[in-house]
Amino acid sequence: MPPGASVLLAVSGGADSLALLYGAAELAPTTGWTLSVAHVHHGWRGRDADRDLLFVAGHARRLGLRFFSRRRDAREESRRLGLSPEAGARRVRYAALLEMAGEAGACRIATAHQRNDRIESHLLARRRKGGLASLAGPRESREDGVVRPLLAVTRAQILSFLAARSISFRRDASNGDLRLDRNRLRREISNVGERELEVIARRVERLALARERLDGDFEATIRPAILVGRNVVIASAALLERSTAELRRRAVFECASRFSVAGRPPMTGRERERIVGLLAGGADFRFEAGRLIRFRRRGERLEVRRAPDASGRKKGNNRRDGSVILGDRRESLV
């Protein structure tokens, strides 16, 4: 959030976002920020959600800030795309925030993710066998202008900040829904001691620094060797074979993401690791990931494209474990 920037604050009405709102408002006179407030109504929780919207609008009015809101149907979006409720809500939320940022003329969208959110994302990624990109947790800054200035702030610090100013906040009853992975994990973390949480937080910070270095290496060495066509992405298989495993993971994801279904990763973690291993092996191969994205190596060339008959087929994975490989350059796809 550079000095003088126009910043849209994403405020749900919960403790974290109220701390973001009032912390930014207190700093604005010295930073020169032009602040506005955004709220997304996800179309669930009925009257409680309506009250959240009015609550946030009232705080924006009290601070003399412009207020923007959008109503979306997160459930319908989840059903339409076959996403989890969390993924559907996240998708409509960021789309709405980007739309409001354009209306507000904001160059940054600040969200209230804090240290525990970072820890939760890390632990979820470990359970799902994620790579460095997901293990390092939410990024402080994204290319689309989303920033997360509270990632080093603890929940206890946030509550202390609000209590000192007698600021009340809304509580989302859906946070107690243990059918959601993150809510179950949040319940587990609540029983973890502060010292152990601090150890995990430092580990995530180190991973975030490693991710930054990886990003730099990728942009300098791998990105220039990736060509994006109309229906295919082509990369240097020989270069990826010589690269580190993390650079290969990043490249595989980048090449495939162009063809992924909205709101979904282009492949599972197990599929990604299979492709990374095949690239390291040096032989020609052909592999179709469960999202119906086809990887094909021929000599020094890696081609990634959407399976030609993907639109008429059911979602699913390769039929058997060997969807792959022929070292003698003859190809088959089980």
Protein backbone atom coordinates (compact mmCIF):
# COMPACT_ATOMS: atom_id res chain seq x y z
CA MET A 1 0.00 0.00 0.00
CA PRO A 2 2.33 2.76 -1.23
CA PRO A 3 1.95 6.35 -0.01
CA GLY A 4 -0.78 8.23 -1.84
CA ALA A 5 -2.41 5.07 -3.21
CA SER A 6 -6.13 4.67 -3.69
CA VAL A 7 -7.04 1.57 -1.66
CA LEU A 8 -10.27 -0.42 -1.58
CA LEU A 9 -10.67 -2.12 1.80
CA ALA A 10 -12.49 -5.47 1.70
CA VAL A 11 -14.62 -5.46 4.86
CA SER A 12 -16.87 -8.36 5.82
CA GLY A 13 -17.77 -6.99 9.25
CA GLY A 14 -15.71 -9.52 11.21
CA ALA A 15 -12.94 -8.66 13.66
CA ASP A 16 -10.08 -8.91 11.17
CA SER A 17 -11.66 -6.67 8.55
CA LEU A 18 -12.78 -4.09 11.12
CA ALA A 19 -9.19 -3.89 12.35
CA LEU A 20 -8.05 -3.40 8.75
CA LEU A 21 -10.65 -0.65 8.27
CA TYR A 22 -9.86 1.33 11.41
CA GLY A 23 -6.10 0.72 11.23
CA ALA A 24 -5.99 2.05 7.67
CA ALA A 25 -8.24 5.01 8.58
CA GLU A 26 -5.91 6.00 11.43
CA LEU A 27 -2.86 5.83 9.16
CA ALA A 28 -4.42 7.58 6.16
CA PRO A 29 -3.65 11.17 7.28
CA THR A 30 0.09 10.39 7.31
CA THR A 31 0.24 7.98 4.34
CA GLY A 32 -1.99 9.97 2.00
CA TRP A 33 -4.13 6.94 1.17
CA THR A 34 -7.51 7.50 -0.42
CA LEU A 35 -9.67 4.83 1.18
CA SER A 36 -12.97 3.28 0.16
CA VAL A 37 -14.85 0.31 1.59
CA ALA A 38 -16.20 -2.76 -0.22
CA HIS A 39 -18.53 -5.47 1.02
CA VAL A 40 -19.63 -8.65 -0.80
CA HIS A 41 -22.98 -10.22 0.08
CA HIS A 42 -22.60 -13.91 -0.88
CA GLY A 43 -26.32 -14.67 -1.02
CA TRP A 44 -26.36 -17.02 1.94
CA ARG A 45 -27.04 -16.69 5.69
CA GLY A 46 -30.25 -14.72 4.94
CA ARG A 47 -30.97 -11.84 7.30
CA ASP A 48 -27.60 -12.19 9.06
CA ALA A 49 -25.87 -11.38 5.78
CA ASP A 50 -28.20 -8.43 5.21
CA ARG A 51 -27.30 -7.12 8.66
CA ASP A 52 -23.59 -7.55 7.89
CA LEU A 53 -23.99 -5.32 4.85
CA LEU A 54 -25.78 -2.61 6.82
CA PHE A 55 -23.23 -2.91 9.64
CA VAL A 56 -20.27 -2.34 7.30
CA ALA A 57 -22.05 0.48 5.48
CA GLY A 58 -22.61 2.18 8.85
CA HIS A 59 -18.91 2.03 9.75
CA ALA A 60 -17.92 3.41 6.34
CA ARG A 61 -20.38 6.26 6.82
CA ARG A 62 -19.02 6.96 10.34
CA LEU A 63 -15.50 7.28 8.91
CA GLY A 64 -16.64 9.36 5.93
CA LEU A 65 -15.51 6.78 3.38
CA ARG A 66 -17.15 5.82 0.11
CA PHE A 67 -18.97 2.50 0.33
CA PHE A 68 -19.46 -0.09 -2.41
CA SER A 69 -21.29 -3.40 -2.25
CA ARG A 70 -22.20 -6.29 -4.52
CA ARG A 71 -24.69 -9.13 -4.11
CA ARG A 72 -23.70 -12.48 -5.57
CA ASP A 73 -25.08 -16.02 -5.44
CA ALA A 74 -22.11 -18.05 -4.23
CA ARG A 75 -24.11 -21.27 -3.96
CA GLU A 76 -25.24 -21.08 -7.57
CA GLU A 77 -21.69 -20.35 -8.70
CA SER A 78 -20.44 -23.37 -6.74
CA ARG A 79 -23.07 -25.63 -8.29
CA ARG A 80 -22.51 -24.29 -11.79
CA LEU A 81 -18.76 -24.89 -11.67
CA GLY A 82 -18.79 -27.97 -9.45
CA LEU A 83 -16.80 -26.20 -6.71
CA SER A 84 -16.84 -26.50 -2.95
CA PRO A 85 -18.83 -23.79 -1.12
CA GLU A 86 -15.56 -22.18 0.01
CA ALA A 87 -14.11 -22.11 -3.50
CA GLY A 88 -17.34 -20.76 -5.01
CA ALA A 89 -17.54 -17.98 -2.42
CA ARG A 90 -13.90 -17.08 -2.93
CA ARG A 91 -14.38 -16.89 -6.68
CA VAL A 92 -17.39 -14.57 -6.56
CA ARG A 93 -15.80 -12.47 -3.79
CA TYR A 94 -12.62 -11.63 -5.70
CA ALA A 95 -14.50 -11.04 -8.94
CA ALA A 96 -16.81 -8.60 -7.13
CA LEU A 97 -13.89 -6.86 -5.40
CA LEU A 98 -12.08 -6.35 -8.70
CA GLU A 99 -15.27 -4.90 -10.18
CA MET A 100 -15.70 -2.48 -7.26
CA ALA A 101 -12.02 -1.49 -7.39
CA GLY A 102 -12.56 -0.42 -10.98
CA GLU A 103 -15.57 1.62 -9.97
CA ALA A 104 -13.68 3.22 -7.07
CA GLY A 105 -10.56 3.91 -9.14
CA ALA A 106 -8.48 1.94 -6.61
CA CYS A 107 -5.06 0.56 -7.52
CA ARG A 108 -5.00 -1.76 -4.47
CA ILE A 109 -7.54 -4.08 -2.86
CA ALA A 110 -6.61 -4.75 0.77
CA THR A 111 -7.94 -7.89 2.44
CA ALA A 112 -7.72 -8.71 6.14
CA HIS A 113 -5.96 -12.09 6.04
CA GLN A 114 -3.89 -12.36 9.21
CA ARG A 115 -1.27 -14.69 10.69
CA ASN A 116 -3.68 -17.51 11.58
CA ASP A 117 -5.06 -17.49 8.02
CA ARG A 118 -1.50 -17.92 6.79
CA ILE A 119 -0.94 -20.85 9.16
CA GLU A 120 -4.24 -22.46 8.17
CA SER A 121 -3.41 -22.22 4.47
CA HIS A 122 0.01 -23.77 5.10
CA LEU A 123 -1.40 -26.70 7.08
CA LEU A 124 -4.13 -27.33 4.51
CA ALA A 125 -1.50 -27.34 1.75
CA ARG A 126 0.57 -29.87 3.71
CA ARG A 127 -2.42 -32.18 4.02
CA ARG A 128 -3.09 -31.87 0.31
CA LYS A 129 0.60 -32.39 -0.54
CA GLY A 130 0.93 -28.98 -2.12
CA GLY A 131 4.10 -27.51 -3.57
CA LEU A 132 6.01 -24.44 -2.46
CA ALA A 133 3.48 -22.03 -3.98
CA SER A 134 0.67 -23.22 -1.68
CA LEU A 135 2.82 -24.17 1.33
CA ALA A 136 4.00 -20.55 1.57
CA GLY A 137 0.43 -19.39 2.22
CA PRO A 138 -1.35 -16.30 0.88
CA ARG A 139 0.85 -13.82 -0.96
CA GLU A 140 1.34 -10.35 0.50
CA SER A 141 0.78 -8.92 -2.95
CA ARG A 142 -0.83 -10.29 -6.12
CA GLU A 143 -0.50 -9.16 -9.71
CA ASP A 144 -4.15 -8.08 -9.80
CA GLY A 145 -3.57 -5.49 -7.04
CA VAL A 146 -4.81 -7.53 -4.07
CA VAL A 147 -2.63 -6.92 -0.99
CA ARG A 148 -2.72 -8.47 2.49
CA PRO A 149 -1.07 -6.08 4.95
CA LEU A 150 -1.99 -8.00 8.14
CA LEU A 151 -0.27 -11.33 7.47
CA ALA A 152 2.18 -10.82 10.36
CA VAL A 153 -0.55 -9.71 12.81
CA THR A 154 -1.96 -12.20 15.31
CA ARG A 155 -5.62 -12.68 16.16
CA ALA A 156 -4.86 -11.61 19.75
CA GLN A 157 -3.36 -8.34 18.52
CA ILE A 158 -6.42 -7.69 16.37
CA LEU A 159 -8.81 -8.26 19.28
CA SER A 160 -6.68 -6.04 21.53
CA PHE A 161 -6.71 -3.27 18.90
CA LEU A 162 -10.50 -3.38 18.64
CA ALA A 163 -11.06 -3.59 22.40
CA ALA A 164 -8.88 -0.53 22.99
CA ARG A 165 -11.17 1.45 20.68
CA SER A 166 -14.45 -0.15 21.82
CA ILE A 167 -15.14 -1.35 18.28
CA SER A 168 -17.66 -4.17 18.00
CA PHE A 169 -17.70 -6.66 15.12
CA ARG A 170 -19.95 -9.23 13.52
CA ARG A 171 -19.59 -12.99 13.99
CA ASP A 172 -20.21 -15.29 11.03
CA ALA A 173 -22.17 -18.34 12.18
CA SER A 174 -20.93 -20.33 9.15
CA ASN A 175 -17.45 -20.32 10.70
CA GLY A 176 -18.77 -23.05 13.00
CA ASP A 177 -19.74 -25.33 10.11
CA LEU A 178 -17.38 -28.28 10.56
CA ARG A 179 -18.27 -29.69 7.14
CA LEU A 180 -15.79 -27.16 5.73
CA ASP A 181 -12.11 -28.16 5.79
CA ARG A 182 -10.82 -24.80 6.95
CA ASN A 183 -13.32 -24.60 9.82
CA ARG A 184 -12.27 -28.02 11.09
CA LEU A 185 -8.64 -27.00 10.88
CA ARG A 186 -9.39 -23.70 12.64
CA ARG A 187 -10.92 -25.66 15.51
CA GLU A 188 -7.75 -27.75 15.78
CA ILE A 189 -5.49 -24.70 15.71
CA SER A 190 -7.44 -23.10 18.56
CA ASN A 191 -6.01 -25.83 20.81
CA VAL A 192 -2.40 -25.25 19.73
CA GLY A 193 -0.13 -23.23 22.01
CA GLU A 194 1.17 -19.80 21.02
CA ARG A 195 4.79 -20.99 20.98
CA GLU A 196 4.01 -23.74 18.49
CA LEU A 197 2.00 -21.34 16.32
CA GLU A 198 4.97 -18.97 16.30
CA VAL A 199 7.24 -21.78 15.09
CA ILE A 200 4.82 -22.57 12.24
CA ALA A 201 4.48 -18.88 11.37
CA ARG A 202 8.27 -18.50 11.07
CA ARG A 203 8.39 -21.60 8.87
CA VAL A 204 5.77 -20.11 6.56
CA GLU A 205 7.68 -16.83 6.39
CA ARG A 206 10.81 -18.73 5.29
CA LEU A 207 8.78 -20.54 2.67
CA ALA A 208 7.35 -17.23 1.45
CA LEU A 209 10.89 -15.89 0.97
CA ALA A 210 11.84 -19.07 -0.89
CA ARG A 211 8.78 -18.61 -3.10
CA GLU A 212 9.87 -15.06 -3.93
CA ARG A 213 13.28 -16.36 -5.01
CA LEU A 214 11.60 -19.10 -7.05
CA ASP A 215 9.36 -16.50 -8.72
CA GLY A 216 12.44 -14.50 -9.70
CA ASP A 217 14.24 -17.55 -11.09
CA PHE A 218 11.14 -18.62 -13.00
CA GLU A 219 10.64 -15.22 -14.63
CA ALA A 220 14.33 -14.98 -15.54
CA THR A 221 14.96 -18.49 -16.88
CA ILE A 222 11.73 -20.42 -17.58
CA ARG A 223 9.12 -17.86 -18.63
CA PRO A 224 11.06 -16.77 -21.75
CA ALA A 225 11.08 -20.41 -22.93
CA ILE A 226 7.27 -20.78 -22.74
CA LEU A 227 5.28 -19.92 -25.87
CA VAL A 228 1.51 -19.47 -25.61
CA GLY A 229 -0.46 -20.24 -28.75
CA ARG A 230 -4.14 -20.17 -29.47
CA ASN A 231 -4.83 -23.75 -28.38
CA VAL A 232 -1.49 -24.96 -27.09
CA VAL A 233 1.30 -23.96 -24.73
CA ILE A 234 4.81 -25.03 -25.71
CA ALA A 235 7.81 -25.17 -23.37
CA SER A 236 11.38 -26.36 -23.57
CA ALA A 237 11.35 -29.87 -22.12
CA ALA A 238 15.13 -29.97 -22.20
CA LEU A 239 15.34 -26.81 -20.07
CA LEU A 240 12.79 -28.16 -17.58
CA GLU A 241 14.66 -31.45 -17.38
CA ARG A 242 17.77 -29.56 -16.24
CA SER A 243 15.86 -27.32 -13.81
CA THR A 244 15.08 -27.88 -10.16
CA ALA A 245 11.96 -29.80 -9.16
CA GLU A 246 10.30 -26.63 -7.84
CA LEU A 247 10.86 -24.80 -11.13
CA ARG A 248 9.40 -27.78 -13.00
CA ARG A 249 6.34 -27.72 -10.69
CA ARG A 250 5.84 -24.03 -11.34
CA ALA A 251 6.23 -24.51 -15.09
CA VAL A 252 3.80 -27.43 -15.24
CA PHE A 253 1.18 -25.40 -13.37
CA GLU A 254 1.73 -22.28 -15.49
CA CYS A 255 1.46 -24.21 -18.75
CA ALA A 256 -1.70 -26.04 -17.70
CA SER A 257 -3.54 -23.22 -15.92
CA ARG A 258 -4.56 -21.66 -19.26
CA PHE A 259 -6.80 -24.69 -19.86
CA SER A 260 -8.10 -25.28 -16.33
CA VAL A 261 -11.76 -25.14 -15.37
CA ALA A 262 -12.72 -21.86 -13.67
CA GLY A 263 -12.09 -21.99 -9.93
CA ARG A 264 -10.23 -25.31 -10.06
CA PRO A 265 -6.55 -26.23 -10.19
CA PRO A 266 -5.58 -27.75 -13.53
CA MET A 267 -4.53 -31.05 -11.94
CA THR A 268 -4.23 -32.87 -8.65
CA GLY A 269 -1.02 -32.77 -6.62
CA ARG A 270 -0.36 -36.42 -7.44
CA GLU A 271 -0.74 -35.77 -11.17
CA ARG A 272 1.54 -32.76 -10.97
CA GLU A 273 4.25 -34.81 -9.26
CA ARG A 274 3.91 -37.52 -11.89
CA ILE A 275 4.47 -35.03 -14.68
CA VAL A 276 7.37 -33.40 -12.83
CA GLY A 277 9.00 -36.82 -12.47
CA LEU A 278 8.43 -37.68 -16.13
CA LEU A 279 10.08 -34.46 -17.24
CA ALA A 280 13.09 -35.21 -15.08
CA GLY A 281 13.37 -38.69 -16.60
CA GLY A 282 14.14 -37.42 -20.09
CA ALA A 283 11.97 -39.86 -22.07
CA ASP A 284 9.09 -38.95 -24.34
CA PHE A 285 5.67 -39.35 -22.77
CA ARG A 286 2.02 -38.55 -23.11
CA PHE A 287 -0.13 -37.91 -20.04
CA GLU A 288 -3.70 -36.73 -19.62
CA ALA A 289 -4.50 -35.15 -16.26
CA GLY A 290 -7.88 -35.59 -14.60
CA ARG A 291 -8.99 -32.12 -15.64
CA LEU A 292 -8.65 -33.37 -19.24
CA ILE A 293 -5.47 -31.46 -19.96
CA ARG A 294 -2.98 -33.30 -22.13
CA PHE A 295 0.80 -33.17 -21.67
CA ARG A 296 3.06 -34.49 -24.40
CA ARG A 297 6.83 -34.53 -24.61
CA ARG A 298 8.56 -35.12 -27.92
CA GLY A 299 12.29 -34.65 -27.78
CA GLU A 300 13.06 -31.17 -26.47
CA ARG A 301 9.49 -29.95 -26.82
CA LEU A 302 6.69 -30.12 -24.22
CA GLU A 303 3.17 -29.43 -25.50
CA VAL A 304 0.22 -28.78 -23.20
CA ARG A 305 -3.31 -28.53 -24.54
CA ARG A 306 -6.92 -29.22 -23.68
CA ALA A 307 -7.97 -32.77 -24.60
CA PRO A 308 -9.85 -32.36 -27.94
CA ASP A 309 -12.92 -34.25 -26.74
CA ALA A 310 -12.90 -32.85 -23.20
CA SER A 311 -16.16 -30.93 -23.50
CA GLY A 312 -18.20 -34.06 -24.12
CA ARG A 313 -16.68 -36.22 -21.42
CA LYS A 314 -17.31 -36.61 -17.75
CA LYS A 315 -14.84 -35.20 -15.26
CA GLY A 316 -12.55 -37.88 -13.97
CA ASN A 317 -9.03 -39.16 -13.85
CA ASN A 318 -6.99 -41.44 -16.04
CA ARG A 319 -8.41 -44.91 -16.14
CA ARG A 320 -5.34 -46.66 -14.78
CA ASP A 321 -2.10 -45.66 -13.14
CA GLY A 322 -0.19 -45.95 -16.40
CA SER A 323 -1.76 -43.20 -18.50
CA VAL A 324 1.64 -42.48 -19.85
CA ILE A 325 4.87 -43.28 -21.17
CA LEU A 326 6.74 -44.93 -23.92
CA GLY A 327 10.50 -44.59 -23.87
CA ASP A 328 10.80 -45.81 -27.46
CA ARG A 329 8.71 -42.81 -28.66
CA ARG A 330 5.68 -44.91 -29.58
CA GLU A 331 2.74 -43.32 -27.81
CA SER A 332 -0.42 -44.64 -26.23
CA LEU A 333 -2.98 -43.17 -23.96
CA VAL A 334 -4.90 -45.58 -21.72
